[in-house]
């Protein structure tokens, strides 16, 4: 979920039956997550995502 916004990350997690908690900035992009992508977890588990405001053009997949 790295480089997603909080809203995007919440949508992905909720559609997978997981809860989302956030740390760091109140807005920005996901730079870290508490459970690695692909890890099998129980439905209802909570994933904590850390948000940071990234400099323009630094997020993967974005045009500079």
PDB file of N, CA and C in Angstrom:
ATOM      1  N   UNK A   1       0.803  -1.185   0.000  1.00  0.00           N
ATOM      2  CA  UNK A   1       0.000   0.000   0.000  1.00  0.00           C
ATOM      3  C   UNK A   1       0.856   1.263   0.000  1.00  0.00           C
ATOM      4  N   UNK A   2       2.156   1.077   0.001  1.00  0.00           N
ATOM      5  CA  UNK A   2       3.044   2.238  -0.004  1.00  0.00           C
ATOM      6  C   UNK A   2       2.748   3.074  -1.235  1.00  0.00           C
ATOM      7  N   UNK A   3       2.670   4.359  -1.054  1.00  0.00           N
ATOM      8  CA  UNK A   3       2.354   5.431  -2.017  1.00  0.00           C
ATOM      9  C   UNK A   3       0.858   5.624  -2.234  1.00  0.00           C
ATOM     10  N   UNK A   4      -0.001   4.890  -1.524  1.00  0.00           N
ATOM     11  CA  UNK A   4      -1.433   5.160  -1.581  1.00  0.00           C
ATOM     12  C   UNK A   4      -1.765   6.274  -0.598  1.00  0.00           C
ATOM     13  N   UNK A   5      -2.884   6.947  -0.817  1.00  0.00           N
ATOM     14  CA  UNK A   5      -3.378   7.901   0.168  1.00  0.00           C
ATOM     15  C   UNK A   5      -4.064   7.108   1.282  1.00  0.00           C
ATOM     16  N   UNK A   6      -4.361   7.764   2.394  1.00  0.00           N
ATOM     17  CA  UNK A   6      -5.054   7.097   3.493  1.00  0.00           C
ATOM     18  C   UNK A   6      -6.389   6.547   3.011  1.00  0.00           C
ATOM     19  N   UNK A   7      -7.132   7.340   2.239  1.00  0.00           N
ATOM     20  CA  UNK A   7      -8.442   6.903   1.759  1.00  0.00           C
ATOM     21  C   UNK A   7      -8.318   5.664   0.868  1.00  0.00           C
ATOM     22  N   UNK A   8      -7.320   5.639  -0.001  1.00  0.00           N
ATOM     23  CA  UNK A   8      -7.114   4.480  -0.867  1.00  0.00           C
ATOM     24  C   UNK A   8      -6.746   3.248  -0.039  1.00  0.00           C
ATOM     25  N   UNK A   9      -5.837   3.434   0.918  1.00  0.00           N
ATOM     26  CA  UNK A   9      -5.417   2.318   1.771  1.00  0.00           C
ATOM     27  C   UNK A   9      -6.591   1.775   2.574  1.00  0.00           C
ATOM     28  N   UNK A  10      -7.428   2.673   3.121  1.00  0.00           N
ATOM     29  CA  UNK A  10      -8.599   2.236   3.874  1.00  0.00           C
ATOM     30  C   UNK A  10      -9.521   1.406   2.992  1.00  0.00           C
ATOM     31  N   UNK A  11      -9.731   1.841   1.755  1.00  0.00           N
ATOM     32  CA  UNK A  11     -10.591   1.106   0.831  1.00  0.00           C
ATOM     33  C   UNK A  11     -10.061  -0.284   0.549  1.00  0.00           C
ATOM     34  N   UNK A  12      -8.762  -0.394   0.294  1.00  0.00           N
ATOM     35  CA  UNK A  12      -8.145  -1.693   0.015  1.00  0.00           C
ATOM     36  C   UNK A  12      -8.286  -2.611   1.229  1.00  0.00           C
ATOM     37  N   UNK A  13      -7.980  -2.075   2.411  1.00  0.00           N
ATOM     38  CA  UNK A  13      -8.036  -2.892   3.622  1.00  0.00           C
ATOM     39  C   UNK A  13      -9.463  -3.311   3.959  1.00  0.00           C
ATOM     40  N   UNK A  14     -10.400  -2.378   3.865  1.00  0.00           N
ATOM     41  CA  UNK A  14     -11.791  -2.697   4.186  1.00  0.00           C
ATOM     42  C   UNK A  14     -12.351  -3.736   3.218  1.00  0.00           C
ATOM     43  N   UNK A  15     -11.992  -3.645   1.940  1.00  0.00           N
ATOM     44  CA  UNK A  15     -12.489  -4.634   0.972  1.00  0.00           C
ATOM     45  C   UNK A  15     -11.903  -6.022   1.249  1.00  0.00           C
ATOM     46  N   UNK A  16     -10.773  -6.071   1.946  1.00  0.00           N
ATOM     47  CA  UNK A  16     -10.153  -7.348   2.319  1.00  0.00           C
ATOM     48  C   UNK A  16     -10.609  -7.811   3.705  1.00  0.00           C
ATOM     49  N   UNK A  17     -11.516  -7.045   4.332  1.00  0.00           N
ATOM     50  CA  UNK A  17     -12.020  -7.425   5.645  1.00  0.00           C
ATOM     51  C   UNK A  17     -11.089  -7.071   6.784  1.00  0.00           C
ATOM     52  N   UNK A  18     -10.217  -6.081   6.557  1.00  0.00           N
ATOM     53  CA  UNK A  18      -9.251  -5.671   7.575  1.00  0.00           C
ATOM     54  C   UNK A  18      -9.553  -4.262   8.069  1.00  0.00           C
ATOM     55  N   UNK A  19      -9.103  -3.959   9.265  1.00  0.00           N
ATOM     56  CA  UNK A  19      -9.264  -2.626   9.836  1.00  0.00           C
ATOM     57  C   UNK A  19      -7.996  -1.820   9.570  1.00  0.00           C
ATOM     58  N   UNK A  20      -8.144  -0.498   9.535  1.00  0.00           N
ATOM     59  CA  UNK A  20      -7.012   0.387   9.250  1.00  0.00           C
ATOM     60  C   UNK A  20      -6.839   1.395  10.369  1.00  0.00           C
ATOM     61  N   UNK A  21      -5.615   1.518  10.856  1.00  0.00           N
ATOM     62  CA  UNK A  21      -5.224   2.536  11.823  1.00  0.00           C
ATOM     63  C   UNK A  21      -4.133   3.340  11.152  1.00  0.00           C
ATOM     64  N   UNK A  22      -4.012   4.622  11.481  1.00  0.00           N
ATOM     65  CA  UNK A  22      -2.930   5.370  10.865  1.00  0.00           C
ATOM     66  C   UNK A  22      -2.079   6.076  11.897  1.00  0.00           C
ATOM     67  N   UNK A  23      -0.833   6.321  11.512  1.00  0.00           N
ATOM     68  CA  UNK A  23       0.139   7.009  12.357  1.00  0.00           C
ATOM     69  C   UNK A  23       0.866   8.022  11.492  1.00  0.00           C
ATOM     70  N   UNK A  24       1.529   8.947  12.120  1.00  0.00           N
ATOM     71  CA  UNK A  24       2.299   9.945  11.385  1.00  0.00           C
ATOM     72  C   UNK A  24       1.459  11.160  11.061  1.00  0.00           C
ATOM     73  N   UNK A  25       1.658  11.698   9.872  1.00  0.00           N
ATOM     74  CA  UNK A  25       0.937  12.888   9.426  1.00  0.00           C
ATOM     75  C   UNK A  25      -0.558  12.589   9.283  1.00  0.00           C
ATOM     76  N   UNK A  26      -1.381  13.631   9.290  1.00  0.00           N
ATOM     77  CA  UNK A  26      -2.823  13.448   9.126  1.00  0.00           C
ATOM     78  C   UNK A  26      -3.222  13.313   7.668  1.00  0.00           C
ATOM     79  N   UNK A  27      -2.301  13.596   6.769  1.00  0.00           N
ATOM     80  CA  UNK A  27      -2.543  13.422   5.343  1.00  0.00           C
ATOM     81  C   UNK A  27      -1.230  13.049   4.689  1.00  0.00           C
ATOM     82  N   UNK A  28      -1.270  12.753   3.422  1.00  0.00           N
ATOM     83  CA  UNK A  28      -0.053  12.378   2.717  1.00  0.00           C
ATOM     84  C   UNK A  28      -0.180  10.996   2.115  1.00  0.00           C
ATOM     85  N   UNK A  29       0.947  10.348   1.932  1.00  0.00           N
ATOM     86  CA  UNK A  29       1.000   9.040   1.303  1.00  0.00           C
ATOM     87  C   UNK A  29       1.477   8.005   2.322  1.00  0.00           C
ATOM     88  N   UNK A  30       1.042   6.771   2.114  1.00  0.00           N
ATOM     89  CA  UNK A  30       1.500   5.666   2.961  1.00  0.00           C
ATOM     90  C   UNK A  30       2.974   5.416   2.657  1.00  0.00           C
ATOM     91  N   UNK A  31       3.809   5.428   3.684  1.00  0.00           N
ATOM     92  CA  UNK A  31       5.235   5.159   3.518  1.00  0.00           C
ATOM     93  C   UNK A  31       5.662   3.879   4.225  1.00  0.00           C
ATOM     94  N   UNK A  32       4.768   3.343   5.058  1.00  0.00           N
ATOM     95  CA  UNK A  32       5.080   2.147   5.834  1.00  0.00           C
ATOM     96  C   UNK A  32       3.778   1.476   6.232  1.00  0.00           C
ATOM     97  N   UNK A  33       3.813   0.152   6.379  1.00  0.00           N
ATOM     98  CA  UNK A  33       2.645  -0.565   6.883  1.00  0.00           C
ATOM     99  C   UNK A  33       3.111  -1.618   7.870  1.00  0.00           C
ATOM    100  N   UNK A  34       2.248  -1.923   8.857  1.00  0.00           N
ATOM    101  CA  UNK A  34       2.653  -2.814   9.947  1.00  0.00           C
ATOM    102  C   UNK A  34       2.698  -4.281   9.548  1.00  0.00           C
ATOM    103  N   UNK A  35       1.969  -4.654   8.521  1.00  0.00           N
ATOM    104  CA  UNK A  35       1.958  -6.039   8.051  1.00  0.00           C
ATOM    105  C   UNK A  35       2.382  -6.019   6.590  1.00  0.00           C
ATOM    106  N   UNK A  36       3.389  -6.797   6.252  1.00  0.00           N
ATOM    107  CA  UNK A  36       3.912  -6.814   4.886  1.00  0.00           C
ATOM    108  C   UNK A  36       2.862  -7.306   3.894  1.00  0.00           C
ATOM    109  N   UNK A  37       2.891  -6.742   2.695  1.00  0.00           N
ATOM    110  CA  UNK A  37       1.988  -7.163   1.625  1.00  0.00           C
ATOM    111  C   UNK A  37       2.142  -8.659   1.396  1.00  0.00           C
ATOM    112  N   UNK A  38       1.015  -9.341   1.215  1.00  0.00           N
ATOM    113  CA  UNK A  38       1.043 -10.774   0.950  1.00  0.00           C
ATOM    114  C   UNK A  38       1.008 -11.654   2.189  1.00  0.00           C
ATOM    115  N   UNK A  39       1.145 -11.040   3.372  1.00  0.00           N
ATOM    116  CA  UNK A  39       1.104 -11.800   4.618  1.00  0.00           C
ATOM    117  C   UNK A  39      -0.330 -12.236   4.901  1.00  0.00           C
ATOM    118  N   UNK A  40      -0.530 -13.495   5.242  1.00  0.00           N
ATOM    119  CA  UNK A  40      -1.869 -13.991   5.558  1.00  0.00           C
ATOM    120  C   UNK A  40      -2.204 -13.615   7.002  1.00  0.00           C
ATOM    121  N   UNK A  41      -3.370 -12.979   7.167  1.00  0.00           N
ATOM    122  CA  UNK A  41      -3.844 -12.561   8.492  1.00  0.00           C
ATOM    123  C   UNK A  41      -5.315 -12.917   8.621  1.00  0.00           C
ATOM    124  N   UNK A  42      -5.801 -12.958   9.850  1.00  0.00           N
ATOM    125  CA  UNK A  42      -7.215 -13.234  10.090  1.00  0.00           C
ATOM    126  C   UNK A  42      -8.067 -12.038   9.696  1.00  0.00           C
ATOM    127  N   UNK A  43      -9.253 -12.338   9.180  1.00  0.00           N
ATOM    128  CA  UNK A  43     -10.221 -11.290   8.856  1.00  0.00           C
ATOM    129  C   UNK A  43     -10.461 -10.468  10.123  1.00  0.00           C
ATOM    130  N   UNK A  44     -10.534  -9.165   9.992  1.00  0.00           N
ATOM    131  CA  UNK A  44     -10.739  -8.293  11.138  1.00  0.00           C
ATOM    132  C   UNK A  44      -9.448  -7.789  11.767  1.00  0.00           C
ATOM    133  N   UNK A  45      -8.299  -8.301  11.297  1.00  0.00           N
ATOM    134  CA  UNK A  45      -7.004  -7.825  11.812  1.00  0.00           C
ATOM    135  C   UNK A  45      -6.838  -6.351  11.480  1.00  0.00           C
ATOM    136  N   UNK A  46      -6.027  -5.675  12.269  1.00  0.00           N
ATOM    137  CA  UNK A  46      -5.773  -4.259  12.053  1.00  0.00           C
ATOM    138  C   UNK A  46      -4.390  -4.058  11.461  1.00  0.00           C
ATOM    139  N   UNK A  47      -4.339  -3.268  10.407  1.00  0.00           N
ATOM    140  CA  UNK A  47      -3.079  -2.890   9.775  1.00  0.00           C
ATOM    141  C   UNK A  47      -2.863  -1.413  10.069  1.00  0.00           C
ATOM    142  N   UNK A  48      -1.694  -1.078  10.600  1.00  0.00           N
ATOM    143  CA  UNK A  48      -1.349   0.318  10.846  1.00  0.00           C
ATOM    144  C   UNK A  48      -0.516   0.819   9.682  1.00  0.00           C
ATOM    145  N   UNK A  49      -0.922   1.952   9.124  1.00  0.00           N
ATOM    146  CA  UNK A  49      -0.168   2.563   8.029  1.00  0.00           C
ATOM    147  C   UNK A  49       0.397   3.891   8.522  1.00  0.00           C
ATOM    148  N   UNK A  50       1.625   4.187   8.118  1.00  0.00           N
ATOM    149  CA  UNK A  50       2.273   5.441   8.489  1.00  0.00           C
ATOM    150  C   UNK A  50       2.215   6.374   7.292  1.00  0.00           C
ATOM    151  N   UNK A  51       1.742   7.587   7.524  1.00  0.00           N
ATOM    152  CA  UNK A  51       1.617   8.579   6.464  1.00  0.00           C
ATOM    153  C   UNK A  51       2.680   9.646   6.592  1.00  0.00           C
ATOM    154  N   UNK A  52       3.173  10.102   5.453  1.00  0.00           N
ATOM    155  CA  UNK A  52       4.073  11.250   5.396  1.00  0.00           C
ATOM    156  C   UNK A  52       3.708  12.076   4.184  1.00  0.00           C
ATOM    157  N   UNK A  53       3.946  13.354   4.286  1.00  0.00           N
ATOM    158  CA  UNK A  53       3.763  14.228   3.134  1.00  0.00           C
ATOM    159  C   UNK A  53       5.053  14.168   2.339  1.00  0.00           C
ATOM    160  N   UNK A  54       4.960  13.625   1.124  1.00  0.00           N
ATOM    161  CA  UNK A  54       6.136  13.442   0.291  1.00  0.00           C
ATOM    162  C   UNK A  54       6.345  14.648  -0.615  1.00  0.00           C
ATOM    163  N   UNK A  55       7.599  14.961  -0.948  1.00  0.00           N
ATOM    164  CA  UNK A  55       7.862  16.043  -1.890  1.00  0.00           C
ATOM    165  C   UNK A  55       7.218  15.729  -3.240  1.00  0.00           C
ATOM    166  N   UNK A  56       6.795  16.737  -3.959  1.00  0.00           N
ATOM    167  CA  UNK A  56       6.169  16.561  -5.266  1.00  0.00           C
ATOM    168  C   UNK A  56       7.054  15.731  -6.171  1.00  0.00           C
ATOM    169  N   UNK A  57       6.459  14.738  -6.837  1.00  0.00           N
ATOM    170  CA  UNK A  57       7.172  13.914  -7.798  1.00  0.00           C
ATOM    171  C   UNK A  57       7.972  12.782  -7.188  1.00  0.00           C
ATOM    172  N   UNK A  58       7.924  12.596  -5.860  1.00  0.00           N
ATOM    173  CA  UNK A  58       8.747  11.557  -5.250  1.00  0.00           C
ATOM    174  C   UNK A  58       8.036  10.224  -5.108  1.00  0.00           C
ATOM    175  N   UNK A  59       6.711  10.209  -5.242  1.00  0.00           N
ATOM    176  CA  UNK A  59       5.971   8.960  -5.097  1.00  0.00           C
ATOM    177  C   UNK A  59       6.156   8.090  -6.333  1.00  0.00           C
ATOM    178  N   UNK A  60       6.299   6.784  -6.093  1.00  0.00           N
ATOM    179  CA  UNK A  60       6.462   5.858  -7.203  1.00  0.00           C
ATOM    180  C   UNK A  60       5.251   5.933  -8.125  1.00  0.00           C
ATOM    181  N   UNK A  61       5.499   5.851  -9.409  1.00  0.00           N
ATOM    182  CA  UNK A  61       4.424   5.816 -10.367  1.00  0.00           C
ATOM    183  C   UNK A  61       3.850   7.174 -10.725  1.00  0.00           C
ATOM    184  N   UNK A  62       4.330   8.226 -10.112  1.00  0.00           N
ATOM    185  CA  UNK A  62       3.840   9.558 -10.451  1.00  0.00           C
ATOM    186  C   UNK A  62       4.808  10.225 -11.401  1.00  0.00           C
ATOM    187  N   UNK A  63       4.250  10.991 -12.301  1.00  0.00           N
ATOM    188  CA  UNK A  63       5.103  11.763 -13.226  1.00  0.00           C
ATOM    189  C   UNK A  63       5.750  12.898 -12.460  1.00  0.00           C
ATOM    190  N   UNK A  64       7.004  13.158 -12.759  1.00  0.00           N
ATOM    191  CA  UNK A  64       7.711  14.237 -12.059  1.00  0.00           C
ATOM    192  C   UNK A  64       7.360  15.575 -12.654  1.00  0.00           C
TER     193      UNK A  64
END
